[in-house]
Amino acid sequence: MPPRLRRRTTSKPRSSQYKLSQWLLAARPKTLGAAIVPFLVGSALAHRSGNLAWHLVLPAFPALLLIQVGTNLVNDAVDFQRGADTAERLGPLRVTQAGIFKASTVHAAGVGCFALAALCIAPAMLARGWRLVAVYVSSSLAGYGYTGGPWPFAYSGLGDIVVVGFFGIVATAGVRFIHTGGVLFDRPTIVAGLQIGCLAAELLAVNNIRDVAGDSKVGKRTLAVRFGLTFARVEVALLAAFTFALGIAQWPRLGMQRAATWPLIASPASALLVWRVAITQPSREYNRLLILAAIGHMFFGIVLTVAIAT
């Protein structure tokens, strides 16, 4: 084969691989635990009730991931447009801010993820009815409205509540409901959803501490900006403490002692995170703390899943 032709045939795969890696970066795979954990815990709750519908849940699982990725992509585009992501940001690279993709392209990809999620969950919505449709629509609107739209939650200090509500309670309830039908929210689901939602919000709180200086300049009124670093550090500690205290107080009353005690093996990771946040000033070091928070969230979710299911 002539050398010139050989170069042509190898250049396209390299280009496509490069673009794929860039989109993977934009999707923020380290955040996908926020979708995976509710899937695991919701399925464990359904297993305990004796009602499993894997033929509906497995096709719907990508919808959870797509809603998370859609939220991330819209955040990437809109934060740049609003001036929150600049060359001075301390967090990981953002593809819009870095000029890798246009904001309009990333924004459209995010909206496309929400639409594709509807296709994935469509069989389950047909089987379970309007309540699951409401779960999908509200979750997608919450994901988009986190930074998009005229009144973004993240810019008004409501992001933490939205994360607990939708990436905790609603996501967990939605998965269990796809399996079982019947009641959408019951007491075990709310307890489990609050626990994993609080640990997901802990990631957000750590992120907001890191970005407090840049956020304050552009009017992004996170809780760290509104009430200061001391408040934000206390918030991280309270979210962790509430997660474990809630389990100890509620699971035994629901006849699930293991769900109260087994997740305590994840408490050292939470304690380490709280301590590191307390002694570390906002800097790039918080990127490592976010990884620690994500690992702790996933570890807790896996242990809680096993404890509920056995």
C-alpha atoms as a PDB file:
ATOM      1  CA  MET A   1       0.000   0.000   0.000  1.00  0.00           C
ATOM      2  CA  PRO A   2       1.447   3.441  -0.885  1.00  0.00           C
ATOM      3  CA  PRO A   3       2.548   5.476   2.161  1.00  0.00           C
ATOM      4  CA  ARG A   4       0.198   8.331   1.302  1.00  0.00           C
ATOM      5  CA  LEU A   5      -2.841   6.044   1.244  1.00  0.00           C
ATOM      6  CA  ARG A   6      -1.772   4.414   4.523  1.00  0.00           C
ATOM      7  CA  ARG A   7      -1.723   7.780   6.270  1.00  0.00           C
ATOM      8  CA  ARG A   8      -5.236   8.551   5.062  1.00  0.00           C
ATOM      9  CA  THR A   9      -6.686   5.285   6.352  1.00  0.00           C
ATOM     10  CA  THR A  10      -5.218   5.716   9.843  1.00  0.00           C
ATOM     11  CA  SER A  11      -6.074   9.374  10.398  1.00  0.00           C
ATOM     12  CA  LYS A  12      -9.856   8.980  10.652  1.00  0.00           C
ATOM     13  CA  PRO A  13      -9.883   6.383  13.466  1.00  0.00           C
ATOM     14  CA  ARG A  14      -7.515   8.538  15.467  1.00  0.00           C
ATOM     15  CA  SER A  15      -9.777  11.546  14.981  1.00  0.00           C
ATOM     16  CA  SER A  16     -12.905   9.613  15.966  1.00  0.00           C
ATOM     17  CA  GLN A  17     -11.182   8.156  19.006  1.00  0.00           C
ATOM     18  CA  TYR A  18     -10.075  11.635  20.024  1.00  0.00           C
ATOM     19  CA  LYS A  19     -13.622  13.001  19.752  1.00  0.00           C
ATOM     20  CA  LEU A  20     -15.009  10.038  21.671  1.00  0.00           C
ATOM     21  CA  SER A  21     -12.571  10.645  24.518  1.00  0.00           C
ATOM     22  CA  GLN A  22     -13.576  14.314  24.565  1.00  0.00           C
ATOM     23  CA  TRP A  23     -17.257  13.470  24.811  1.00  0.00           C
ATOM     24  CA  LEU A  24     -16.455  10.953  27.532  1.00  0.00           C
ATOM     25  CA  LEU A  25     -14.688  13.752  29.397  1.00  0.00           C
ATOM     26  CA  ALA A  26     -17.745  15.963  28.972  1.00  0.00           C
ATOM     27  CA  ALA A  27     -20.031  13.216  30.297  1.00  0.00           C
ATOM     28  CA  ARG A  28     -18.065  13.133  33.601  1.00  0.00           C
ATOM     29  CA  PRO A  29     -18.077   9.364  34.191  1.00  0.00           C
ATOM     30  CA  LYS A  30     -16.947   9.855  37.798  1.00  0.00           C
ATOM     31  CA  THR A  31     -20.404  11.301  38.571  1.00  0.00           C
ATOM     32  CA  LEU A  32     -22.361   8.313  37.244  1.00  0.00           C
ATOM     33  CA  GLY A  33     -22.480   6.737  40.693  1.00  0.00           C
ATOM     34  CA  ALA A  34     -25.326   9.183  41.335  1.00  0.00           C
ATOM     35  CA  ALA A  35     -27.359   7.137  38.829  1.00  0.00           C
ATOM     36  CA  ILE A  36     -25.961   3.676  39.561  1.00  0.00           C
ATOM     37  CA  VAL A  37     -26.520   3.715  43.334  1.00  0.00           C
ATOM     38  CA  PRO A  38     -30.286   4.451  43.166  1.00  0.00           C
ATOM     39  CA  PHE A  39     -30.605   1.676  40.585  1.00  0.00           C
ATOM     40  CA  LEU A  40     -28.915  -0.819  42.912  1.00  0.00           C
ATOM     41  CA  VAL A  41     -30.774   0.222  46.056  1.00  0.00           C
ATOM     42  CA  GLY A  42     -34.156   0.495  44.322  1.00  0.00           C
ATOM     43  CA  SER A  43     -33.696  -2.994  42.885  1.00  0.00           C
ATOM     44  CA  ALA A  44     -32.711  -4.334  46.316  1.00  0.00           C
ATOM     45  CA  LEU A  45     -35.904  -2.911  47.810  1.00  0.00           C
ATOM     46  CA  ALA A  46     -37.929  -4.550  45.038  1.00  0.00           C
ATOM     47  CA  HIS A  47     -36.133  -7.858  45.616  1.00  0.00           C
ATOM     48  CA  ARG A  48     -37.040  -7.733  49.282  1.00  0.00           C
ATOM     49  CA  SER A  49     -40.693  -7.296  48.369  1.00  0.00           C
ATOM     50  CA  GLY A  50     -40.493 -10.300  46.058  1.00  0.00           C
ATOM     51  CA  ASN A  51     -41.408  -8.374  42.915  1.00  0.00           C
ATOM     52  CA  LEU A  52     -38.776  -8.021  40.196  1.00  0.00           C
ATOM     53  CA  ALA A  53     -39.338  -6.922  36.604  1.00  0.00           C
ATOM     54  CA  TRP A  54     -35.910  -7.003  34.987  1.00  0.00           C
ATOM     55  CA  HIS A  55     -37.493  -6.975  31.528  1.00  0.00           C
ATOM     56  CA  LEU A  56     -38.658  -3.418  32.308  1.00  0.00           C
ATOM     57  CA  VAL A  57     -35.824  -2.202  34.542  1.00  0.00           C
ATOM     58  CA  LEU A  58     -32.799  -3.205  32.477  1.00  0.00           C
ATOM     59  CA  PRO A  59     -33.952  -1.300  29.353  1.00  0.00           C
ATOM     60  CA  ALA A  60     -34.746   1.669  31.616  1.00  0.00           C
ATOM     61  CA  PHE A  61     -31.357   1.676  33.348  1.00  0.00           C
ATOM     62  CA  PRO A  62     -29.645   3.682  30.555  1.00  0.00           C
ATOM     63  CA  ALA A  63     -32.251   6.387  31.153  1.00  0.00           C
ATOM     64  CA  LEU A  64     -30.802   7.030  34.621  1.00  0.00           C
ATOM     65  CA  LEU A  65     -27.328   7.364  33.142  1.00  0.00           C
ATOM     66  CA  LEU A  66     -28.565   9.580  30.311  1.00  0.00           C
ATOM     67  CA  ILE A  67     -30.347  11.953  32.680  1.00  0.00           C
ATOM     68  CA  GLN A  68     -27.140  12.278  34.702  1.00  0.00           C
ATOM     69  CA  VAL A  69     -25.042  12.833  31.563  1.00  0.00           C
ATOM     70  CA  GLY A  70     -27.602  15.279  30.179  1.00  0.00           C
ATOM     71  CA  THR A  71     -27.416  17.239  33.422  1.00  0.00           C
ATOM     72  CA  ASN A  72     -23.628  17.317  33.178  1.00  0.00           C
ATOM     73  CA  LEU A  73     -23.589  18.463  29.551  1.00  0.00           C
ATOM     74  CA  VAL A  74     -26.103  21.247  30.087  1.00  0.00           C
ATOM     75  CA  ASN A  75     -24.083  22.303  33.141  1.00  0.00           C
ATOM     76  CA  ASP A  76     -20.901  22.347  31.057  1.00  0.00           C
ATOM     77  CA  ALA A  77     -22.438  24.603  28.413  1.00  0.00           C
ATOM     78  CA  VAL A  78     -24.488  26.913  30.622  1.00  0.00           C
ATOM     79  CA  ASP A  79     -21.843  27.497  33.297  1.00  0.00           C
ATOM     80  CA  PHE A  80     -19.500  28.684  30.548  1.00  0.00           C
ATOM     81  CA  GLN A  81     -22.163  30.937  29.051  1.00  0.00           C
ATOM     82  CA  ARG A  82     -22.930  32.441  32.445  1.00  0.00           C
ATOM     83  CA  GLY A  83     -19.237  33.039  33.151  1.00  0.00           C
ATOM     84  CA  ALA A  84     -18.914  30.506  35.973  1.00  0.00           C
ATOM     85  CA  ASP A  85     -16.341  28.393  34.097  1.00  0.00           C
ATOM     86  CA  THR A  86     -13.237  30.375  33.218  1.00  0.00           C
ATOM     87  CA  ALA A  87      -9.557  29.637  32.714  1.00  0.00           C
ATOM     88  CA  GLU A  88      -9.126  30.231  36.462  1.00  0.00           C
ATOM     89  CA  ARG A  89     -11.442  27.423  37.579  1.00  0.00           C
ATOM     90  CA  LEU A  90      -9.931  24.878  39.957  1.00  0.00           C
ATOM     91  CA  GLY A  91     -11.980  21.911  38.855  1.00  0.00           C
ATOM     92  CA  PRO A  92     -11.357  19.380  36.082  1.00  0.00           C
ATOM     93  CA  LEU A  93     -11.324  20.476  32.449  1.00  0.00           C
ATOM     94  CA  ARG A  94     -14.679  21.452  30.956  1.00  0.00           C
ATOM     95  CA  VAL A  95     -14.979  20.956  27.220  1.00  0.00           C
ATOM     96  CA  THR A  96     -16.915  24.166  26.521  1.00  0.00           C
ATOM     97  CA  GLN A  97     -14.613  26.373  28.576  1.00  0.00           C
ATOM     98  CA  ALA A  98     -11.582  24.733  26.956  1.00  0.00           C
ATOM     99  CA  GLY A  99     -12.944  25.459  23.477  1.00  0.00           C
ATOM    100  CA  ILE A 100     -13.130  21.790  22.511  1.00  0.00           C
ATOM    101  CA  PHE A 101     -16.812  22.031  21.582  1.00  0.00           C
ATOM    102  CA  LYS A 102     -19.162  24.968  21.097  1.00  0.00           C
ATOM    103  CA  ALA A 103     -21.580  25.712  23.923  1.00  0.00           C
ATOM    104  CA  SER A 104     -24.511  25.216  21.553  1.00  0.00           C
ATOM    105  CA  THR A 105     -23.218  21.768  20.575  1.00  0.00           C
ATOM    106  CA  VAL A 106     -22.772  20.631  24.179  1.00  0.00           C
ATOM    107  CA  HIS A 107     -26.149  22.069  25.165  1.00  0.00           C
ATOM    108  CA  ALA A 108     -27.866  20.267  22.291  1.00  0.00           C
ATOM    109  CA  ALA A 109     -26.141  17.012  23.246  1.00  0.00           C
ATOM    110  CA  GLY A 110     -27.440  17.409  26.792  1.00  0.00           C
ATOM    111  CA  VAL A 111     -31.009  17.947  25.625  1.00  0.00           C
ATOM    112  CA  GLY A 112     -30.566  14.961  23.320  1.00  0.00           C
ATOM    113  CA  CYS A 113     -29.625  12.802  26.297  1.00  0.00           C
ATOM    114  CA  PHE A 114     -32.878  13.706  28.053  1.00  0.00           C
ATOM    115  CA  ALA A 115     -34.823  12.832  24.897  1.00  0.00           C
ATOM    116  CA  LEU A 116     -32.985   9.535  24.436  1.00  0.00           C
ATOM    117  CA  ALA A 117     -33.740   8.697  28.066  1.00  0.00           C
ATOM    118  CA  ALA A 118     -37.442   8.863  27.195  1.00  0.00           C
ATOM    119  CA  LEU A 119     -36.968   6.185  24.552  1.00  0.00           C
ATOM    120  CA  CYS A 120     -35.143   3.913  26.984  1.00  0.00           C
ATOM    121  CA  ILE A 121     -37.781   4.195  29.664  1.00  0.00           C
ATOM    122  CA  ALA A 122     -40.773   4.155  27.287  1.00  0.00           C
ATOM    123  CA  PRO A 123     -41.588   0.425  27.743  1.00  0.00           C
ATOM    124  CA  ALA A 124     -41.619   0.873  31.519  1.00  0.00           C
ATOM    125  CA  MET A 125     -43.802   3.999  31.244  1.00  0.00           C
ATOM    126  CA  LEU A 126     -46.285   2.089  29.097  1.00  0.00           C
ATOM    127  CA  ALA A 127     -46.388  -0.667  31.704  1.00  0.00           C
ATOM    128  CA  ARG A 128     -46.532   1.495  34.832  1.00  0.00           C
ATOM    129  CA  GLY A 129     -48.542   4.481  33.670  1.00  0.00           C
ATOM    130  CA  TRP A 130     -48.656   8.187  34.338  1.00  0.00           C
ATOM    131  CA  ARG A 131     -46.807   8.124  37.671  1.00  0.00           C
ATOM    132  CA  LEU A 132     -43.632   6.887  36.002  1.00  0.00           C
ATOM    133  CA  VAL A 133     -44.132   9.446  33.239  1.00  0.00           C
ATOM    134  CA  ALA A 134     -44.242  12.095  35.981  1.00  0.00           C
ATOM    135  CA  VAL A 135     -41.027  10.707  37.483  1.00  0.00           C
ATOM    136  CA  TYR A 136     -39.248  10.882  34.121  1.00  0.00           C
ATOM    137  CA  VAL A 137     -40.511  14.362  33.236  1.00  0.00           C
ATOM    138  CA  SER A 138     -39.793  15.883  36.652  1.00  0.00           C
ATOM    139  CA  SER A 139     -36.344  14.265  36.810  1.00  0.00           C
ATOM    140  CA  SER A 140     -35.420  15.564  33.367  1.00  0.00           C
ATOM    141  CA  LEU A 141     -36.693  19.043  34.171  1.00  0.00           C
ATOM    142  CA  ALA A 142     -34.754  19.009  37.431  1.00  0.00           C
ATOM    143  CA  GLY A 143     -31.607  17.888  35.616  1.00  0.00           C
ATOM    144  CA  TYR A 144     -31.958  20.588  32.989  1.00  0.00           C
ATOM    145  CA  GLY A 145     -33.039  23.219  35.492  1.00  0.00           C
ATOM    146  CA  TYR A 146     -30.054  22.546  37.720  1.00  0.00           C
ATOM    147  CA  THR A 147     -28.096  25.112  35.710  1.00  0.00           C
ATOM    148  CA  GLY A 148     -30.333  25.717  32.670  1.00  0.00           C
ATOM    149  CA  GLY A 149     -33.471  27.781  32.268  1.00  0.00           C
ATOM    150  CA  PRO A 150     -34.367  31.203  33.683  1.00  0.00           C
ATOM    151  CA  TRP A 151     -34.180  30.193  37.353  1.00  0.00           C
ATOM    152  CA  PRO A 152     -31.396  27.592  37.689  1.00  0.00           C
ATOM    153  CA  PHE A 153     -31.379  25.771  41.010  1.00  0.00           C
ATOM    154  CA  ALA A 154     -27.586  25.804  41.316  1.00  0.00           C
ATOM    155  CA  TYR A 155     -27.510  29.597  41.085  1.00  0.00           C
ATOM    156  CA  SER A 156     -30.050  30.123  43.862  1.00  0.00           C
ATOM    157  CA  GLY A 157     -28.740  27.737  46.518  1.00  0.00           C
ATOM    158  CA  LEU A 158     -31.379  25.070  45.852  1.00  0.00           C
ATOM    159  CA  GLY A 159     -29.045  22.609  44.143  1.00  0.00           C
ATOM    160  CA  ASP A 160     -28.442  20.605  47.311  1.00  0.00           C
ATOM    161  CA  ILE A 161     -32.166  20.047  47.874  1.00  0.00           C
ATOM    162  CA  VAL A 162     -32.689  19.045  44.250  1.00  0.00           C
ATOM    163  CA  VAL A 163     -29.868  16.496  44.455  1.00  0.00           C
ATOM    164  CA  VAL A 164     -31.272  14.895  47.617  1.00  0.00           C
ATOM    165  CA  GLY A 165     -34.768  14.845  46.175  1.00  0.00           C
ATOM    166  CA  PHE A 166     -34.131  13.616  42.645  1.00  0.00           C
ATOM    167  CA  PHE A 167     -30.816  11.765  42.752  1.00  0.00           C
ATOM    168  CA  GLY A 168     -31.848  10.200  46.036  1.00  0.00           C
ATOM    169  CA  ILE A 169     -35.543   9.731  46.755  1.00  0.00           C
ATOM    170  CA  VAL A 170     -37.123  10.045  43.298  1.00  0.00           C
ATOM    171  CA  ALA A 171     -34.520   7.938  41.467  1.00  0.00           C
ATOM    172  CA  THR A 172     -34.659   5.169  44.074  1.00  0.00           C
ATOM    173  CA  ALA A 173     -38.452   5.209  44.139  1.00  0.00           C
ATOM    174  CA  GLY A 174     -38.630   5.202  40.353  1.00  0.00           C
ATOM    175  CA  VAL A 175     -36.473   2.085  40.030  1.00  0.00           C
ATOM    176  CA  ARG A 176     -38.385   0.213  42.721  1.00  0.00           C
ATOM    177  CA  PHE A 177     -41.686   1.281  41.158  1.00  0.00           C
ATOM    178  CA  ILE A 178     -40.664  -0.035  37.726  1.00  0.00           C
ATOM    179  CA  HIS A 179     -40.010  -3.389  39.353  1.00  0.00           C
ATOM    180  CA  THR A 180     -43.078  -3.589  41.566  1.00  0.00           C
ATOM    181  CA  GLY A 181     -45.747  -1.130  40.509  1.00  0.00           C
ATOM    182  CA  GLY A 182     -48.160  -0.263  43.300  1.00  0.00           C
ATOM    183  CA  VAL A 183     -47.120   2.500  45.689  1.00  0.00           C
ATOM    184  CA  LEU A 184     -44.521   4.932  44.344  1.00  0.00           C
ATOM    185  CA  PHE A 185     -43.159   6.152  47.668  1.00  0.00           C
ATOM    186  CA  ASP A 186     -43.071   3.993  50.777  1.00  0.00           C
ATOM    187  CA  ARG A 187     -41.156   4.388  54.019  1.00  0.00           C
ATOM    188  CA  PRO A 188     -38.162   2.131  53.221  1.00  0.00           C
ATOM    189  CA  THR A 189     -37.723   3.860  49.864  1.00  0.00           C
ATOM    190  CA  ILE A 190     -37.771   7.305  51.442  1.00  0.00           C
ATOM    191  CA  VAL A 191     -35.236   6.284  54.098  1.00  0.00           C
ATOM    192  CA  ALA A 192     -32.878   4.733  51.537  1.00  0.00           C
ATOM    193  CA  GLY A 193     -33.393   7.613  49.117  1.00  0.00           C
ATOM    194  CA  LEU A 194     -32.585  10.174  51.788  1.00  0.00           C
ATOM    195  CA  GLN A 195     -29.407   8.347  52.728  1.00  0.00           C
ATOM    196  CA  ILE A 196     -27.969   8.071  49.239  1.00  0.00           C
ATOM    197  CA  GLY A 197     -29.309  11.500  48.319  1.00  0.00           C
ATOM    198  CA  CYS A 198     -27.484  13.104  51.235  1.00  0.00           C
ATOM    199  CA  LEU A 199     -24.215  11.488  50.202  1.00  0.00           C
ATOM    200  CA  ALA A 200     -24.774  12.692  46.628  1.00  0.00           C
ATOM    201  CA  ALA A 201     -25.390  16.199  47.983  1.00  0.00           C
ATOM    202  CA  GLU A 202     -22.151  15.854  49.927  1.00  0.00           C
ATOM    203  CA  LEU A 203     -20.312  15.682  46.603  1.00  0.00           C
ATOM    204  CA  LEU A 204     -22.046  18.871  45.526  1.00  0.00           C
ATOM    205  CA  ALA A 205     -21.145  20.623  48.775  1.00  0.00           C
ATOM    206  CA  VAL A 206     -17.474  19.696  48.346  1.00  0.00           C
ATOM    207  CA  ASN A 207     -17.597  20.927  44.760  1.00  0.00           C
ATOM    208  CA  ASN A 208     -19.141  24.224  45.864  1.00  0.00           C
ATOM    209  CA  ILE A 209     -16.460  24.801  48.492  1.00  0.00           C
ATOM    210  CA  ARG A 210     -13.775  24.402  45.845  1.00  0.00           C
ATOM    211  CA  ASP A 211     -15.505  26.849  43.501  1.00  0.00           C
ATOM    212  CA  VAL A 212     -16.666  29.405  46.070  1.00  0.00           C
ATOM    213  CA  ALA A 213     -14.424  32.237  44.849  1.00  0.00           C
ATOM    214  CA  GLY A 214     -15.326  31.877  41.178  1.00  0.00           C
ATOM    215  CA  ASP A 215     -19.021  31.320  41.887  1.00  0.00           C
ATOM    216  CA  SER A 216     -19.270  34.469  43.997  1.00  0.00           C
ATOM    217  CA  LYS A 217     -17.871  36.576  41.142  1.00  0.00           C
ATOM    218  CA  VAL A 218     -20.625  35.558  38.721  1.00  0.00           C
ATOM    219  CA  GLY A 219     -23.555  35.538  41.122  1.00  0.00           C
ATOM    220  CA  LYS A 220     -23.813  31.777  41.460  1.00  0.00           C
ATOM    221  CA  ARG A 221     -25.364  31.795  44.932  1.00  0.00           C
ATOM    222  CA  THR A 222     -24.552  28.323  46.180  1.00  0.00           C
ATOM    223  CA  LEU A 223     -24.873  27.673  49.900  1.00  0.00           C
ATOM    224  CA  ALA A 224     -21.104  28.093  50.217  1.00  0.00           C
ATOM    225  CA  VAL A 225     -21.390  31.550  48.623  1.00  0.00           C
ATOM    226  CA  ARG A 226     -24.496  32.539  50.571  1.00  0.00           C
ATOM    227  CA  PHE A 227     -23.363  31.482  54.029  1.00  0.00           C
ATOM    228  CA  GLY A 228     -19.596  31.076  53.812  1.00  0.00           C
ATOM    229  CA  LEU A 229     -17.005  28.355  54.069  1.00  0.00           C
ATOM    230  CA  THR A 230     -17.652  27.479  57.706  1.00  0.00           C
ATOM    231  CA  PHE A 231     -21.299  26.788  56.940  1.00  0.00           C
ATOM    232  CA  ALA A 232     -20.361  24.705  53.887  1.00  0.00           C
ATOM    233  CA  ARG A 233     -17.913  22.600  55.901  1.00  0.00           C
ATOM    234  CA  VAL A 234     -20.533  22.037  58.585  1.00  0.00           C
ATOM    235  CA  GLU A 235     -22.989  21.054  55.856  1.00  0.00           C
ATOM    236  CA  VAL A 236     -20.617  18.311  54.649  1.00  0.00           C
ATOM    237  CA  ALA A 237     -20.315  16.985  58.205  1.00  0.00           C
ATOM    238  CA  LEU A 238     -24.070  17.113  58.837  1.00  0.00           C
ATOM    239  CA  LEU A 239     -24.912  15.330  55.586  1.00  0.00           C
ATOM    240  CA  ALA A 240     -22.580  12.489  56.520  1.00  0.00           C
ATOM    241  CA  ALA A 241     -23.801  12.311  60.121  1.00  0.00           C
ATOM    242  CA  PHE A 242     -27.463  12.402  59.111  1.00  0.00           C
ATOM    243  CA  THR A 243     -26.957   9.586  56.603  1.00  0.00           C
ATOM    244  CA  PHE A 244     -25.694   7.134  59.202  1.00  0.00           C
ATOM    245  CA  ALA A 245     -27.918   8.366  62.046  1.00  0.00           C
ATOM    246  CA  LEU A 246     -31.030   8.015  59.893  1.00  0.00           C
ATOM    247  CA  GLY A 247     -30.159   4.424  59.082  1.00  0.00           C
ATOM    248  CA  ILE A 248     -29.532   3.509  62.712  1.00  0.00           C
ATOM    249  CA  ALA A 249     -32.808   5.129  63.768  1.00  0.00           C
ATOM    250  CA  GLN A 250     -35.107   3.866  61.001  1.00  0.00           C
ATOM    251  CA  TRP A 251     -34.019   0.539  59.537  1.00  0.00           C
ATOM    252  CA  PRO A 252     -34.508  -1.512  62.731  1.00  0.00           C
ATOM    253  CA  ARG A 253     -38.072  -0.183  62.933  1.00  0.00           C
ATOM    254  CA  LEU A 254     -38.602  -1.471  59.410  1.00  0.00           C
ATOM    255  CA  GLY A 255     -37.292  -4.901  60.327  1.00  0.00           C
ATOM    256  CA  MET A 256     -33.975  -4.478  58.506  1.00  0.00           C
ATOM    257  CA  GLN A 257     -31.251  -4.426  61.151  1.00  0.00           C
ATOM    258  CA  ARG A 258     -28.509  -5.215  58.633  1.00  0.00           C
ATOM    259  CA  ALA A 259     -29.370  -2.068  56.669  1.00  0.00           C
ATOM    260  CA  ALA A 260     -28.696  -0.100  59.846  1.00  0.00           C
ATOM    261  CA  THR A 261     -25.363  -1.664  60.780  1.00  0.00           C
ATOM    262  CA  TRP A 262     -23.638  -2.944  57.649  1.00  0.00           C
ATOM    263  CA  PRO A 263     -23.304   0.482  55.960  1.00  0.00           C
ATOM    264  CA  LEU A 264     -21.356   1.668  59.017  1.00  0.00           C
ATOM    265  CA  ILE A 265     -18.288   0.078  57.442  1.00  0.00           C
ATOM    266  CA  ALA A 266     -18.400   3.002  54.991  1.00  0.00           C
ATOM    267  CA  SER A 267     -18.296   5.566  57.816  1.00  0.00           C
ATOM    268  CA  PRO A 268     -14.468   5.824  57.978  1.00  0.00           C
ATOM    269  CA  ALA A 269     -14.417   7.130  54.393  1.00  0.00           C
ATOM    270  CA  SER A 270     -17.033   9.737  55.295  1.00  0.00           C
ATOM    271  CA  ALA A 271     -15.140  10.686  58.446  1.00  0.00           C
ATOM    272  CA  LEU A 272     -11.931  11.097  56.442  1.00  0.00           C
ATOM    273  CA  LEU A 273     -13.725  13.301  53.931  1.00  0.00           C
ATOM    274  CA  VAL A 274     -15.218  15.503  56.669  1.00  0.00           C
ATOM    275  CA  TRP A 275     -11.816  15.908  58.305  1.00  0.00           C
ATOM    276  CA  ARG A 276     -10.034  16.718  55.035  1.00  0.00           C
ATOM    277  CA  VAL A 277     -12.682  19.282  54.098  1.00  0.00           C
ATOM    278  CA  ALA A 278     -12.333  20.889  57.530  1.00  0.00           C
ATOM    279  CA  ILE A 279      -8.574  21.433  57.227  1.00  0.00           C
ATOM    280  CA  THR A 280      -8.189  22.077  53.483  1.00  0.00           C
ATOM    281  CA  GLN A 281      -8.576  25.494  51.916  1.00  0.00           C
ATOM    282  CA  PRO A 282     -10.385  25.762  48.549  1.00  0.00           C
ATOM    283  CA  SER A 283      -7.866  24.590  45.973  1.00  0.00           C
ATOM    284  CA  ARG A 284      -7.274  21.910  43.369  1.00  0.00           C
ATOM    285  CA  GLU A 285      -6.856  19.485  46.265  1.00  0.00           C
ATOM    286  CA  TYR A 286     -10.663  19.393  46.367  1.00  0.00           C
ATOM    287  CA  ASN A 287     -10.631  17.442  43.106  1.00  0.00           C
ATOM    288  CA  ARG A 288      -9.128  14.561  45.084  1.00  0.00           C
ATOM    289  CA  LEU A 289     -11.688  15.055  47.830  1.00  0.00           C
ATOM    290  CA  LEU A 290     -14.443  14.768  45.240  1.00  0.00           C
ATOM    291  CA  ILE A 291     -13.044  11.394  44.197  1.00  0.00           C
ATOM    292  CA  LEU A 292     -13.042  10.336  47.849  1.00  0.00           C
ATOM    293  CA  ALA A 293     -16.665  11.490  48.207  1.00  0.00           C
ATOM    294  CA  ALA A 294     -17.686   9.610  45.036  1.00  0.00           C
ATOM    295  CA  ILE A 295     -15.990   6.411  46.239  1.00  0.00           C
ATOM    296  CA  GLY A 296     -17.668   6.745  49.638  1.00  0.00           C
ATOM    297  CA  HIS A 297     -21.060   7.252  48.007  1.00  0.00           C
ATOM    298  CA  MET A 298     -20.666   4.199  45.791  1.00  0.00           C
ATOM    299  CA  PHE A 299     -19.297   2.030  48.602  1.00  0.00           C
ATOM    300  CA  PHE A 300     -22.163   2.992  50.885  1.00  0.00           C
ATOM    301  CA  GLY A 301     -24.679   2.263  48.126  1.00  0.00           C
ATOM    302  CA  ILE A 302     -23.254  -1.178  47.402  1.00  0.00           C
ATOM    303  CA  VAL A 303     -23.195  -2.178  51.075  1.00  0.00           C
ATOM    304  CA  LEU A 304     -26.739  -0.864  51.618  1.00  0.00           C
ATOM    305  CA  THR A 305     -27.885  -2.810  48.557  1.00  0.00           C
ATOM    306  CA  VAL A 306     -26.470  -6.065  49.900  1.00  0.00           C
ATOM    307  CA  ALA A 307     -27.839  -5.405  53.394  1.00  0.00           C
ATOM    308  CA  ILE A 308     -31.365  -4.760  52.100  1.00  0.00           C
ATOM    309  CA  ALA A 309     -31.375  -7.666  49.669  1.00  0.00           C
ATOM    310  CA  THR A 310     -30.148 -10.330  52.140  1.00  0.00           C
END
